[in-house]
């Protein structure tokens, strides 16, 4: 993927050696099987990244990124509505929790990408 700077490398965190493009999701019904075959968050993230990479072929990367944030916020609110007995009381704590989660993930991946860029530019 080095020749496509608008695309992000698949995580494959579940693969010990980090080899690219190893995981293939079940295709029978379009949905993962649920009984004993739960996917890891990293495997699901890889699936989302594949969709984003496909969209970058025809759409501006900023619009793809915004669409992912929009979808994430919508789905997070859906989860919140299902889990919260009193949405108004839990609202502030929930916003803080999701914000902290995103910030932590964002900071981690910024560091990973910077380290990767630094190692490539130094010829390592």
PDB file of N, CA and C in Angstrom:
ATOM      1  N   UNK A   1       0.802  -1.201   0.000  1.00  0.00           N
ATOM      2  CA  UNK A   1       0.000   0.000   0.000  1.00  0.00           C
ATOM      3  C   UNK A   1       0.842   1.260   0.000  1.00  0.00           C
ATOM      4  N   UNK A   2       2.114   1.142  -0.083  1.00  0.00           N
ATOM      5  CA  UNK A   2       2.986   2.312  -0.040  1.00  0.00           C
ATOM      6  C   UNK A   2       2.729   3.259  -1.201  1.00  0.00           C
ATOM      7  N   UNK A   3       2.260   2.738  -2.338  1.00  0.00           N
ATOM      8  CA  UNK A   3       2.016   3.574  -3.500  1.00  0.00           C
ATOM      9  C   UNK A   3       0.685   4.306  -3.424  1.00  0.00           C
ATOM     10  N   UNK A   4      -0.138   4.019  -2.435  1.00  0.00           N
ATOM     11  CA  UNK A   4      -1.448   4.649  -2.308  1.00  0.00           C
ATOM     12  C   UNK A   4      -1.510   5.394  -0.983  1.00  0.00           C
ATOM     13  N   UNK A   5      -0.994   6.631  -0.928  1.00  0.00           N
ATOM     14  CA  UNK A   5      -0.902   7.352   0.345  1.00  0.00           C
ATOM     15  C   UNK A   5      -2.245   7.671   0.976  1.00  0.00           C
ATOM     16  N   UNK A   6      -3.333   7.640   0.214  1.00  0.00           N
ATOM     17  CA  UNK A   6      -4.640   7.932   0.793  1.00  0.00           C
ATOM     18  C   UNK A   6      -5.264   6.719   1.465  1.00  0.00           C
ATOM     19  N   UNK A   7      -4.601   5.582   1.392  1.00  0.00           N
ATOM     20  CA  UNK A   7      -5.139   4.371   2.006  1.00  0.00           C
ATOM     21  C   UNK A   7      -4.348   4.036   3.261  1.00  0.00           C
ATOM     22  N   UNK A   8      -5.024   3.363   4.179  1.00  0.00           N
ATOM     23  CA  UNK A   8      -4.399   2.989   5.440  1.00  0.00           C
ATOM     24  C   UNK A   8      -4.155   1.487   5.429  1.00  0.00           C
ATOM     25  N   UNK A   9      -3.075   1.075   6.047  1.00  0.00           N
ATOM     26  CA  UNK A   9      -2.751  -0.339   6.098  1.00  0.00           C
ATOM     27  C   UNK A   9      -3.697  -1.044   7.068  1.00  0.00           C
ATOM     28  N   UNK A  10      -4.108  -2.238   6.695  1.00  0.00           N
ATOM     29  CA  UNK A  10      -4.980  -3.049   7.539  1.00  0.00           C
ATOM     30  C   UNK A  10      -4.214  -3.411   8.813  1.00  0.00           C
ATOM     31  N   UNK A  11      -4.904  -3.381   9.947  1.00  0.00           N
ATOM     32  CA  UNK A  11      -4.277  -3.598  11.255  1.00  0.00           C
ATOM     33  C   UNK A  11      -3.776  -5.032  11.425  1.00  0.00           C
ATOM     34  N   UNK A  12      -4.649  -5.987  11.248  1.00  0.00           N
ATOM     35  CA  UNK A  12      -4.342  -7.397  11.493  1.00  0.00           C
ATOM     36  C   UNK A  12      -3.688  -7.622  12.847  1.00  0.00           C
ATOM     37  N   UNK A  13      -4.203  -6.958  13.858  1.00  0.00           N
ATOM     38  CA  UNK A  13      -3.644  -7.077  15.196  1.00  0.00           C
ATOM     39  C   UNK A  13      -3.806  -8.487  15.751  1.00  0.00           C
ATOM     40  N   UNK A  14      -4.768  -9.235  15.241  1.00  0.00           N
ATOM     41  CA  UNK A  14      -4.983 -10.586  15.717  1.00  0.00           C
ATOM     42  C   UNK A  14      -3.940 -11.555  15.155  1.00  0.00           C
ATOM     43  N   UNK A  15      -3.248 -11.144  14.112  1.00  0.00           N
ATOM     44  CA  UNK A  15      -2.221 -11.971  13.485  1.00  0.00           C
ATOM     45  C   UNK A  15      -0.887 -11.693  14.173  1.00  0.00           C
ATOM     46  N   UNK A  16      -0.232 -12.701  14.750  1.00  0.00           N
ATOM     47  CA  UNK A  16       0.987 -12.473  15.527  1.00  0.00           C
ATOM     48  C   UNK A  16       2.084 -11.733  14.780  1.00  0.00           C
ATOM     49  N   UNK A  17       2.267 -11.999  13.505  1.00  0.00           N
ATOM     50  CA  UNK A  17       3.353 -11.337  12.778  1.00  0.00           C
ATOM     51  C   UNK A  17       2.893 -10.060  12.089  1.00  0.00           C
ATOM     52  N   UNK A  18       1.626  -9.692  12.242  1.00  0.00           N
ATOM     53  CA  UNK A  18       1.117  -8.471  11.642  1.00  0.00           C
ATOM     54  C   UNK A  18       1.052  -8.523  10.129  1.00  0.00           C
ATOM     55  N   UNK A  19       1.057  -9.723   9.557  1.00  0.00           N
ATOM     56  CA  UNK A  19       1.037  -9.861   8.098  1.00  0.00           C
ATOM     57  C   UNK A  19      -0.212  -9.218   7.528  1.00  0.00           C
ATOM     58  N   UNK A  20      -0.050  -8.527   6.429  1.00  0.00           N
ATOM     59  CA  UNK A  20      -1.164  -7.806   5.815  1.00  0.00           C
ATOM     60  C   UNK A  20      -2.111  -8.755   5.099  1.00  0.00           C
ATOM     61  N   UNK A  21      -3.368  -8.375   5.082  1.00  0.00           N
ATOM     62  CA  UNK A  21      -4.412  -9.054   4.317  1.00  0.00           C
ATOM     63  C   UNK A  21      -4.549 -10.543   4.625  1.00  0.00           C
ATOM     64  N   UNK A  22      -4.573 -10.909   5.913  1.00  0.00           N
ATOM     65  CA  UNK A  22      -4.717 -12.313   6.289  1.00  0.00           C
ATOM     66  C   UNK A  22      -6.164 -12.665   6.559  1.00  0.00           C
ATOM     67  N   UNK A  23      -6.873 -11.836   7.276  1.00  0.00           N
ATOM     68  CA  UNK A  23      -8.225 -12.156   7.712  1.00  0.00           C
ATOM     69  C   UNK A  23      -9.237 -11.992   6.590  1.00  0.00           C
ATOM     70  N   UNK A  24     -10.079 -12.979   6.407  1.00  0.00           N
ATOM     71  CA  UNK A  24     -11.197 -12.896   5.465  1.00  0.00           C
ATOM     72  C   UNK A  24     -12.481 -13.160   6.237  1.00  0.00           C
ATOM     73  N   UNK A  25     -13.412 -12.216   6.246  1.00  0.00           N
ATOM     74  CA  UNK A  25     -14.652 -12.413   7.004  1.00  0.00           C
ATOM     75  C   UNK A  25     -15.533 -13.463   6.357  1.00  0.00           C
ATOM     76  N   UNK A  26     -16.434 -14.090   7.143  1.00  0.00           N
ATOM     77  CA  UNK A  26     -17.384 -15.052   6.574  1.00  0.00           C
ATOM     78  C   UNK A  26     -18.242 -14.376   5.517  1.00  0.00           C
ATOM     79  N   UNK A  27     -18.571 -15.075   4.446  1.00  0.00           N
ATOM     80  CA  UNK A  27     -19.313 -14.470   3.343  1.00  0.00           C
ATOM     81  C   UNK A  27     -20.702 -15.077   3.144  1.00  0.00           C
ATOM     82  N   UNK A  28     -21.028 -16.138   3.851  1.00  0.00           N
ATOM     83  CA  UNK A  28     -22.279 -16.850   3.582  1.00  0.00           C
ATOM     84  C   UNK A  28     -23.497 -15.937   3.600  1.00  0.00           C
ATOM     85  N   UNK A  29     -23.732 -15.242   4.715  1.00  0.00           N
ATOM     86  CA  UNK A  29     -24.916 -14.395   4.816  1.00  0.00           C
ATOM     87  C   UNK A  29     -24.566 -12.917   4.823  1.00  0.00           C
ATOM     88  N   UNK A  30     -23.291 -12.615   4.752  1.00  0.00           N
ATOM     89  CA  UNK A  30     -22.870 -11.224   4.833  1.00  0.00           C
ATOM     90  C   UNK A  30     -22.669 -10.759   6.261  1.00  0.00           C
ATOM     91  N   UNK A  31     -23.036 -11.592   7.202  1.00  0.00           N
ATOM     92  CA  UNK A  31     -22.871 -11.259   8.611  1.00  0.00           C
ATOM     93  C   UNK A  31     -22.009 -12.325   9.272  1.00  0.00           C
ATOM     94  N   UNK A  32     -21.179 -11.942  10.261  1.00  0.00           N
ATOM     95  CA  UNK A  32     -20.372 -12.933  10.972  1.00  0.00           C
ATOM     96  C   UNK A  32     -21.254 -13.915  11.721  1.00  0.00           C
ATOM     97  N   UNK A  33     -20.801 -15.147  11.843  1.00  0.00           N
ATOM     98  CA  UNK A  33     -21.533 -16.127  12.628  1.00  0.00           C
ATOM     99  C   UNK A  33     -21.401 -15.734  14.094  1.00  0.00           C
ATOM    100  N   UNK A  34     -22.457 -15.962  14.870  1.00  0.00           N
ATOM    101  CA  UNK A  34     -22.421 -15.495  16.252  1.00  0.00           C
ATOM    102  C   UNK A  34     -22.042 -16.578  17.255  1.00  0.00           C
ATOM    103  N   UNK A  35     -22.396 -17.810  17.029  1.00  0.00           N
ATOM    104  CA  UNK A  35     -22.172 -18.857  18.021  1.00  0.00           C
ATOM    105  C   UNK A  35     -20.705 -19.272  18.072  1.00  0.00           C
ATOM    106  N   UNK A  36     -19.968 -18.751  19.056  1.00  0.00           N
ATOM    107  CA  UNK A  36     -18.597 -19.156  19.259  1.00  0.00           C
ATOM    108  C   UNK A  36     -17.608 -18.597  18.251  1.00  0.00           C
ATOM    109  N   UNK A  37     -18.044 -17.791  17.335  1.00  0.00           N
ATOM    110  CA  UNK A  37     -17.151 -17.238  16.317  1.00  0.00           C
ATOM    111  C   UNK A  37     -17.090 -15.719  16.397  1.00  0.00           C
ATOM    112  N   UNK A  38     -17.079 -15.198  17.601  1.00  0.00           N
ATOM    113  CA  UNK A  38     -17.031 -13.747  17.749  1.00  0.00           C
ATOM    114  C   UNK A  38     -15.743 -13.198  17.154  1.00  0.00           C
ATOM    115  N   UNK A  39     -15.878 -12.121  16.438  1.00  0.00           N
ATOM    116  CA  UNK A  39     -14.716 -11.458  15.848  1.00  0.00           C
ATOM    117  C   UNK A  39     -14.119 -10.508  16.875  1.00  0.00           C
ATOM    118  N   UNK A  40     -12.821 -10.306  16.785  1.00  0.00           N
ATOM    119  CA  UNK A  40     -12.172  -9.343  17.674  1.00  0.00           C
ATOM    120  C   UNK A  40     -12.459  -7.936  17.160  1.00  0.00           C
ATOM    121  N   UNK A  41     -12.349  -6.936  18.029  1.00  0.00           N
ATOM    122  CA  UNK A  41     -12.508  -5.550  17.555  1.00  0.00           C
ATOM    123  C   UNK A  41     -11.516  -5.215  16.447  1.00  0.00           C
ATOM    124  N   UNK A  42     -10.297  -5.770  16.516  1.00  0.00           N
ATOM    125  CA  UNK A  42      -9.302  -5.511  15.482  1.00  0.00           C
ATOM    126  C   UNK A  42      -9.731  -6.082  14.132  1.00  0.00           C
ATOM    127  N   UNK A  43     -10.318  -7.260  14.136  1.00  0.00           N
ATOM    128  CA  UNK A  43     -10.810  -7.855  12.887  1.00  0.00           C
ATOM    129  C   UNK A  43     -11.945  -7.017  12.297  1.00  0.00           C
ATOM    130  N   UNK A  44     -12.845  -6.550  13.161  1.00  0.00           N
ATOM    131  CA  UNK A  44     -13.942  -5.708  12.677  1.00  0.00           C
ATOM    132  C   UNK A  44     -13.403  -4.378  12.157  1.00  0.00           C
ATOM    133  N   UNK A  45     -12.416  -3.799  12.860  1.00  0.00           N
ATOM    134  CA  UNK A  45     -11.808  -2.545  12.397  1.00  0.00           C
ATOM    135  C   UNK A  45     -11.186  -2.739  11.016  1.00  0.00           C
ATOM    136  N   UNK A  46     -10.530  -3.881  10.800  1.00  0.00           N
ATOM    137  CA  UNK A  46      -9.957  -4.173   9.482  1.00  0.00           C
ATOM    138  C   UNK A  46     -11.033  -4.141   8.399  1.00  0.00           C
ATOM    139  N   UNK A  47     -12.201  -4.667   8.713  1.00  0.00           N
ATOM    140  CA  UNK A  47     -13.302  -4.655   7.737  1.00  0.00           C
ATOM    141  C   UNK A  47     -13.727  -3.225   7.420  1.00  0.00           C
ATOM    142  N   UNK A  48     -13.835  -2.376   8.453  1.00  0.00           N
ATOM    143  CA  UNK A  48     -14.207  -0.976   8.229  1.00  0.00           C
ATOM    144  C   UNK A  48     -13.146  -0.265   7.397  1.00  0.00           C
ATOM    145  N   UNK A  49     -11.878  -0.551   7.684  1.00  0.00           N
ATOM    146  CA  UNK A  49     -10.776   0.076   6.938  1.00  0.00           C
ATOM    147  C   UNK A  49     -10.819  -0.345   5.473  1.00  0.00           C
ATOM    148  N   UNK A  50     -11.154  -1.603   5.202  1.00  0.00           N
ATOM    149  CA  UNK A  50     -11.270  -2.052   3.805  1.00  0.00           C
ATOM    150  C   UNK A  50     -12.341  -1.244   3.070  1.00  0.00           C
ATOM    151  N   UNK A  51     -13.471  -1.018   3.726  1.00  0.00           N
ATOM    152  CA  UNK A  51     -14.548  -0.219   3.108  1.00  0.00           C
ATOM    153  C   UNK A  51     -14.053   1.208   2.864  1.00  0.00           C
ATOM    154  N   UNK A  52     -13.391   1.800   3.859  1.00  0.00           N
ATOM    155  CA  UNK A  52     -12.878   3.164   3.713  1.00  0.00           C
ATOM    156  C   UNK A  52     -11.864   3.238   2.571  1.00  0.00           C
ATOM    157  N   UNK A  53     -10.965   2.256   2.502  1.00  0.00           N
ATOM    158  CA  UNK A  53      -9.976   2.237   1.420  1.00  0.00           C
ATOM    159  C   UNK A  53     -10.645   2.131   0.058  1.00  0.00           C
ATOM    160  N   UNK A  54     -11.703   1.342  -0.041  1.00  0.00           N
ATOM    161  CA  UNK A  54     -12.438   1.240  -1.309  1.00  0.00           C
ATOM    162  C   UNK A  54     -13.078   2.581  -1.667  1.00  0.00           C
ATOM    163  N   UNK A  55     -13.626   3.262  -0.670  1.00  0.00           N
ATOM    164  CA  UNK A  55     -14.257   4.557  -0.926  1.00  0.00           C
ATOM    165  C   UNK A  55     -13.254   5.618  -1.357  1.00  0.00           C
ATOM    166  N   UNK A  56     -12.034   5.555  -0.820  1.00  0.00           N
ATOM    167  CA  UNK A  56     -11.001   6.533  -1.159  1.00  0.00           C
ATOM    168  C   UNK A  56     -10.652   6.464  -2.654  1.00  0.00           C
ATOM    169  N   UNK A  57     -10.942   5.334  -3.293  1.00  0.00           N
ATOM    170  CA  UNK A  57     -10.691   5.229  -4.736  1.00  0.00           C
ATOM    171  C   UNK A  57     -11.539   6.213  -5.531  1.00  0.00           C
ATOM    172  N   UNK A  58     -12.711   6.577  -4.997  1.00  0.00           N
ATOM    173  CA  UNK A  58     -13.629   7.439  -5.756  1.00  0.00           C
ATOM    174  C   UNK A  58     -14.064   8.697  -5.008  1.00  0.00           C
ATOM    175  N   UNK A  59     -13.710   8.794  -3.714  1.00  0.00           N
ATOM    176  CA  UNK A  59     -14.159   9.917  -2.888  1.00  0.00           C
ATOM    177  C   UNK A  59     -12.955  10.607  -2.252  1.00  0.00           C
ATOM    178  N   UNK A  60     -13.140  11.854  -1.846  1.00  0.00           N
ATOM    179  CA  UNK A  60     -12.072  12.584  -1.144  1.00  0.00           C
ATOM    180  C   UNK A  60     -11.855  11.960   0.225  1.00  0.00           C
ATOM    181  N   UNK A  61     -10.580  11.834   0.608  1.00  0.00           N
ATOM    182  CA  UNK A  61     -10.255  11.187   1.880  1.00  0.00           C
ATOM    183  C   UNK A  61     -10.904  11.908   3.065  1.00  0.00           C
ATOM    184  N   UNK A  62     -10.994  13.231   3.016  1.00  0.00           N
ATOM    185  CA  UNK A  62     -11.632  13.979   4.105  1.00  0.00           C
ATOM    186  C   UNK A  62     -13.100  13.636   4.252  1.00  0.00           C
ATOM    187  N   UNK A  63     -13.788  13.413   3.119  1.00  0.00           N
ATOM    188  CA  UNK A  63     -15.199  13.021   3.177  1.00  0.00           C
ATOM    189  C   UNK A  63     -15.363  11.604   3.710  1.00  0.00           C
ATOM    190  N   UNK A  64     -14.436  10.711   3.338  1.00  0.00           N
ATOM    191  CA  UNK A  64     -14.487   9.336   3.854  1.00  0.00           C
ATOM    192  C   UNK A  64     -14.262   9.355   5.363  1.00  0.00           C
ATOM    193  N   UNK A  65     -13.288  10.129   5.803  1.00  0.00           N
ATOM    194  CA  UNK A  65     -12.994  10.227   7.233  1.00  0.00           C
ATOM    195  C   UNK A  65     -14.185  10.802   8.001  1.00  0.00           C
ATOM    196  N   UNK A  66     -14.795  11.850   7.458  1.00  0.00           N
ATOM    197  CA  UNK A  66     -15.957  12.449   8.113  1.00  0.00           C
ATOM    198  C   UNK A  66     -17.119  11.460   8.176  1.00  0.00           C
ATOM    199  N   UNK A  67     -17.312  10.702   7.098  1.00  0.00           N
ATOM    200  CA  UNK A  67     -18.387   9.702   7.078  1.00  0.00           C
ATOM    201  C   UNK A  67     -18.156   8.633   8.144  1.00  0.00           C
ATOM    202  N   UNK A  68     -16.888   8.242   8.337  1.00  0.00           N
ATOM    203  CA  UNK A  68     -16.590   7.250   9.379  1.00  0.00           C
ATOM    204  C   UNK A  68     -16.880   7.814  10.769  1.00  0.00           C
ATOM    205  N   UNK A  69     -16.510   9.090  10.992  1.00  0.00           N
ATOM    206  CA  UNK A  69     -16.806   9.705  12.293  1.00  0.00           C
ATOM    207  C   UNK A  69     -18.313   9.819  12.506  1.00  0.00           C
ATOM    208  N   UNK A  70     -19.020  10.182  11.445  1.00  0.00           N
ATOM    209  CA  UNK A  70     -20.479  10.285  11.529  1.00  0.00           C
ATOM    210  C   UNK A  70     -21.097   8.930  11.869  1.00  0.00           C
ATOM    211  N   UNK A  71     -20.676   7.892  11.155  1.00  0.00           N
ATOM    212  CA  UNK A  71     -21.207   6.545  11.419  1.00  0.00           C
ATOM    213  C   UNK A  71     -20.858   6.087  12.830  1.00  0.00           C
ATOM    214  N   UNK A  72     -19.644   6.383  13.260  1.00  0.00           N
ATOM    215  CA  UNK A  72     -19.227   6.001  14.617  1.00  0.00           C
ATOM    216  C   UNK A  72     -20.086   6.700  15.659  1.00  0.00           C
ATOM    217  N   UNK A  73     -20.310   7.992  15.483  1.00  0.00           N
ATOM    218  CA  UNK A  73     -21.116   8.717  16.473  1.00  0.00           C
ATOM    219  C   UNK A  73     -22.553   8.203  16.494  1.00  0.00           C
ATOM    220  N   UNK A  74     -23.082   7.907  15.300  1.00  0.00           N
ATOM    221  CA  UNK A  74     -24.454   7.381  15.242  1.00  0.00           C
ATOM    222  C   UNK A  74     -24.553   6.019  15.927  1.00  0.00           C
ATOM    223  N   UNK A  75     -23.577   5.148  15.661  1.00  0.00           N
ATOM    224  CA  UNK A  75     -23.631   3.816  16.255  1.00  0.00           C
ATOM    225  C   UNK A  75     -23.367   3.875  17.754  1.00  0.00           C
ATOM    226  N   UNK A  76     -22.438   4.744  18.189  1.00  0.00           N
ATOM    227  CA  UNK A  76     -22.191   4.909  19.620  1.00  0.00           C
ATOM    228  C   UNK A  76     -23.441   5.400  20.339  1.00  0.00           C
ATOM    229  N   UNK A  77     -24.178   6.322  19.725  1.00  0.00           N
ATOM    230  CA  UNK A  77     -25.429   6.805  20.327  1.00  0.00           C
ATOM    231  C   UNK A  77     -26.476   5.705  20.387  1.00  0.00           C
ATOM    232  N   UNK A  78     -26.490   4.852  19.376  1.00  0.00           N
ATOM    233  CA  UNK A  78     -27.403   3.711  19.382  1.00  0.00           C
ATOM    234  C   UNK A  78     -27.061   2.783  20.556  1.00  0.00           C
ATOM    235  N   UNK A  79     -25.767   2.479  20.733  1.00  0.00           N
ATOM    236  CA  UNK A  79     -25.344   1.643  21.860  1.00  0.00           C
ATOM    237  C   UNK A  79     -25.760   2.288  23.181  1.00  0.00           C
ATOM    238  N   UNK A  80     -25.513   3.591  23.295  1.00  0.00           N
ATOM    239  CA  UNK A  80     -25.871   4.356  24.493  1.00  0.00           C
ATOM    240  C   UNK A  80     -27.365   4.257  24.780  1.00  0.00           C
ATOM    241  N   UNK A  81     -28.181   4.379  23.737  1.00  0.00           N
ATOM    242  CA  UNK A  81     -29.636   4.325  23.940  1.00  0.00           C
ATOM    243  C   UNK A  81     -30.095   2.953  24.415  1.00  0.00           C
ATOM    244  N   UNK A  82     -29.388   1.918  24.002  1.00  0.00           N
ATOM    245  CA  UNK A  82     -29.753   0.557  24.419  1.00  0.00           C
ATOM    246  C   UNK A  82     -29.294   0.248  25.839  1.00  0.00           C
ATOM    247  N   UNK A  83     -28.180   0.840  26.267  1.00  0.00           N
ATOM    248  CA  UNK A  83     -27.586   0.496  27.562  1.00  0.00           C
ATOM    249  C   UNK A  83     -27.972   1.432  28.702  1.00  0.00           C
ATOM    250  N   UNK A  84     -28.399   2.647  28.389  1.00  0.00           N
ATOM    251  CA  UNK A  84     -28.645   3.630  29.439  1.00  0.00           C
ATOM    252  C   UNK A  84     -30.092   3.601  29.914  1.00  0.00           C
ATOM    253  N   UNK A  85     -30.294   3.397  31.202  1.00  0.00           N
ATOM    254  CA  UNK A  85     -31.658   3.444  31.726  1.00  0.00           C
ATOM    255  C   UNK A  85     -32.218   4.870  31.752  1.00  0.00           C
ATOM    256  N   UNK A  86     -31.360   5.855  31.882  1.00  0.00           N
ATOM    257  CA  UNK A  86     -31.790   7.251  31.893  1.00  0.00           C
ATOM    258  C   UNK A  86     -30.814   8.063  31.060  1.00  0.00           C
ATOM    259  N   UNK A  87     -31.133   8.245  29.787  1.00  0.00           N
ATOM    260  CA  UNK A  87     -30.217   8.863  28.837  1.00  0.00           C
ATOM    261  C   UNK A  87     -29.820  10.279  29.238  1.00  0.00           C
ATOM    262  N   UNK A  88     -30.710  11.024  29.825  1.00  0.00           N
ATOM    263  CA  UNK A  88     -30.380  12.408  30.190  1.00  0.00           C
ATOM    264  C   UNK A  88     -29.392  12.453  31.353  1.00  0.00           C
ATOM    265  N   UNK A  89     -29.576  11.585  32.334  1.00  0.00           N
ATOM    266  CA  UNK A  89     -28.685  11.552  33.494  1.00  0.00           C
ATOM    267  C   UNK A  89     -27.298  11.061  33.079  1.00  0.00           C
ATOM    268  N   UNK A  90     -27.237  10.063  32.209  1.00  0.00           N
ATOM    269  CA  UNK A  90     -25.973   9.447  31.805  1.00  0.00           C
ATOM    270  C   UNK A  90     -25.259  10.200  30.687  1.00  0.00           C
ATOM    271  N   UNK A  91     -25.893  11.181  30.090  1.00  0.00           N
ATOM    272  CA  UNK A  91     -25.365  11.850  28.889  1.00  0.00           C
ATOM    273  C   UNK A  91     -23.933  12.379  29.051  1.00  0.00           C
ATOM    274  N   UNK A  92     -23.676  13.189  30.063  1.00  0.00           N
ATOM    275  CA  UNK A  92     -22.356  13.797  30.253  1.00  0.00           C
ATOM    276  C   UNK A  92     -21.266  12.761  30.463  1.00  0.00           C
ATOM    277  N   UNK A  93     -21.537  11.783  31.339  1.00  0.00           N
ATOM    278  CA  UNK A  93     -20.552  10.731  31.592  1.00  0.00           C
ATOM    279  C   UNK A  93     -20.291   9.916  30.330  1.00  0.00           C
ATOM    280  N   UNK A  94     -21.343   9.671  29.558  1.00  0.00           N
ATOM    281  CA  UNK A  94     -21.201   8.885  28.333  1.00  0.00           C
ATOM    282  C   UNK A  94     -20.369   9.643  27.300  1.00  0.00           C
ATOM    283  N   UNK A  95     -20.636  10.932  27.132  1.00  0.00           N
ATOM    284  CA  UNK A  95     -19.858  11.748  26.192  1.00  0.00           C
ATOM    285  C   UNK A  95     -18.392  11.752  26.617  1.00  0.00           C
ATOM    286  N   UNK A  96     -18.144  11.933  27.897  1.00  0.00           N
ATOM    287  CA  UNK A  96     -16.766  11.947  28.404  1.00  0.00           C
ATOM    288  C   UNK A  96     -16.085  10.600  28.156  1.00  0.00           C
ATOM    289  N   UNK A  97     -16.793   9.497  28.412  1.00  0.00           N
ATOM    290  CA  UNK A  97     -16.213   8.173  28.222  1.00  0.00           C
ATOM    291  C   UNK A  97     -15.850   7.940  26.755  1.00  0.00           C
ATOM    292  N   UNK A  98     -16.790   8.201  25.828  1.00  0.00           N
ATOM    293  CA  UNK A  98     -16.506   7.999  24.408  1.00  0.00           C
ATOM    294  C   UNK A  98     -15.394   8.932  23.924  1.00  0.00           C
ATOM    295  N   UNK A  99     -15.391  10.166  24.401  1.00  0.00           N
ATOM    296  CA  UNK A  99     -14.358  11.124  24.010  1.00  0.00           C
ATOM    297  C   UNK A  99     -12.984  10.653  24.472  1.00  0.00           C
ATOM    298  N   UNK A 100     -12.889  10.193  25.715  1.00  0.00           N
ATOM    299  CA  UNK A 100     -11.622   9.687  26.233  1.00  0.00           C
ATOM    300  C   UNK A 100     -11.162   8.442  25.484  1.00  0.00           C
ATOM    301  N   UNK A 101     -12.094   7.548  25.172  1.00  0.00           N
ATOM    302  CA  UNK A 101     -11.766   6.346  24.395  1.00  0.00           C
ATOM    303  C   UNK A 101     -11.200   6.730  23.034  1.00  0.00           C
ATOM    304  N   UNK A 102     -11.871   7.645  22.335  1.00  0.00           N
ATOM    305  CA  UNK A 102     -11.423   8.054  21.010  1.00  0.00           C
ATOM    306  C   UNK A 102     -10.077   8.755  21.090  1.00  0.00           C
ATOM    307  N   UNK A 103      -9.920   9.650  22.058  1.00  0.00           N
ATOM    308  CA  UNK A 103      -8.658  10.373  22.218  1.00  0.00           C
ATOM    309  C   UNK A 103      -7.507   9.392  22.448  1.00  0.00           C
ATOM    310  N   UNK A 104      -7.707   8.409  23.307  1.00  0.00           N
ATOM    311  CA  UNK A 104      -6.676   7.423  23.595  1.00  0.00           C
ATOM    312  C   UNK A 104      -6.298   6.638  22.330  1.00  0.00           C
ATOM    313  N   UNK A 105      -7.302   6.201  21.572  1.00  0.00           N
ATOM    314  CA  UNK A 105      -7.042   5.457  20.336  1.00  0.00           C
ATOM    315  C   UNK A 105      -6.356   6.340  19.299  1.00  0.00           C
ATOM    316  N   UNK A 106      -6.805   7.578  19.191  1.00  0.00           N
ATOM    317  CA  UNK A 106      -6.235   8.521  18.231  1.00  0.00           C
ATOM    318  C   UNK A 106      -4.765   8.805  18.561  1.00  0.00           C
ATOM    319  N   UNK A 107      -4.473   9.072  19.832  1.00  0.00           N
ATOM    320  CA  UNK A 107      -3.089   9.339  20.231  1.00  0.00           C
ATOM    321  C   UNK A 107      -2.192   8.133  19.967  1.00  0.00           C
ATOM    322  N   UNK A 108      -2.685   6.945  20.312  1.00  0.00           N
ATOM    323  CA  UNK A 108      -1.902   5.723  20.095  1.00  0.00           C
ATOM    324  C   UNK A 108      -1.573   5.547  18.614  1.00  0.00           C
ATOM    325  N   UNK A 109      -2.577   5.661  17.751  1.00  0.00           N
ATOM    326  CA  UNK A 109      -2.351   5.430  16.328  1.00  0.00           C
ATOM    327  C   UNK A 109      -1.554   6.555  15.674  1.00  0.00           C
ATOM    328  N   UNK A 110      -1.656   7.766  16.186  1.00  0.00           N
ATOM    329  CA  UNK A 110      -0.782   8.839  15.690  1.00  0.00           C
ATOM    330  C   UNK A 110       0.678   8.489  15.983  1.00  0.00           C
ATOM    331  N   UNK A 111       0.942   7.991  17.180  1.00  0.00           N
ATOM    332  CA  UNK A 111       2.305   7.588  17.541  1.00  0.00           C
ATOM    333  C   UNK A 111       2.791   6.438  16.665  1.00  0.00           C
ATOM    334  N   UNK A 112       1.935   5.455  16.420  1.00  0.00           N
ATOM    335  CA  UNK A 112       2.300   4.302  15.590  1.00  0.00           C
ATOM    336  C   UNK A 112       2.621   4.759  14.168  1.00  0.00           C
ATOM    337  N   UNK A 113       1.773   5.595  13.595  1.00  0.00           N
ATOM    338  CA  UNK A 113       1.975   6.049  12.221  1.00  0.00           C
ATOM    339  C   UNK A 113       3.216   6.932  12.124  1.00  0.00           C
ATOM    340  N   UNK A 114       3.433   7.795  13.118  1.00  0.00           N
ATOM    341  CA  UNK A 114       4.635   8.639  13.112  1.00  0.00           C
ATOM    342  C   UNK A 114       5.879   7.776  13.186  1.00  0.00           C
ATOM    343  N   UNK A 115       5.890   6.783  14.062  1.00  0.00           N
ATOM    344  CA  UNK A 115       7.052   5.894  14.191  1.00  0.00           C
ATOM    345  C   UNK A 115       7.298   5.143  12.886  1.00  0.00           C
ATOM    346  N   UNK A 116       6.226   4.711  12.233  1.00  0.00           N
ATOM    347  CA  UNK A 116       6.358   4.014  10.957  1.00  0.00           C
ATOM    348  C   UNK A 116       6.939   4.938   9.892  1.00  0.00           C
ATOM    349  N   UNK A 117       6.424   6.159   9.832  1.00  0.00           N
ATOM    350  CA  UNK A 117       6.947   7.148   8.865  1.00  0.00           C
ATOM    351  C   UNK A 117       8.406   7.459   9.147  1.00  0.00           C
ATOM    352  N   UNK A 118       8.753   7.639  10.422  1.00  0.00           N
ATOM    353  CA  UNK A 118      10.122   7.942  10.807  1.00  0.00           C
ATOM    354  C   UNK A 118      11.065   6.810  10.411  1.00  0.00           C
ATOM    355  N   UNK A 119      10.635   5.553  10.638  1.00  0.00           N
ATOM    356  CA  UNK A 119      11.510   4.428  10.304  1.00  0.00           C
ATOM    357  C   UNK A 119      11.677   4.288   8.792  1.00  0.00           C
ATOM    358  N   UNK A 120      10.638   4.605   8.032  1.00  0.00           N
ATOM    359  CA  UNK A 120      10.736   4.527   6.577  1.00  0.00           C
ATOM    360  C   UNK A 120      11.613   5.639   6.028  1.00  0.00           C
ATOM    361  N   UNK A 121      11.537   6.833   6.631  1.00  0.00           N
ATOM    362  CA  UNK A 121      12.335   7.953   6.127  1.00  0.00           C
ATOM    363  C   UNK A 121      13.807   7.823   6.520  1.00  0.00           C
ATOM    364  N   UNK A 122      14.074   7.050   7.584  1.00  0.00           N
ATOM    365  CA  UNK A 122      15.466   6.855   7.988  1.00  0.00           C
ATOM    366  C   UNK A 122      16.094   5.651   7.305  1.00  0.00           C
ATOM    367  N   UNK A 123      15.278   4.955   6.500  1.00  0.00           N
ATOM    368  CA  UNK A 123      15.793   3.812   5.755  1.00  0.00           C
ATOM    369  C   UNK A 123      15.862   2.529   6.539  1.00  0.00           C
ATOM    370  N   UNK A 124      15.249   2.471   7.722  1.00  0.00           N
ATOM    371  CA  UNK A 124      15.282   1.259   8.541  1.00  0.00           C
ATOM    372  C   UNK A 124      14.332   0.222   8.041  1.00  0.00           C
TER     373      UNK A 124
END
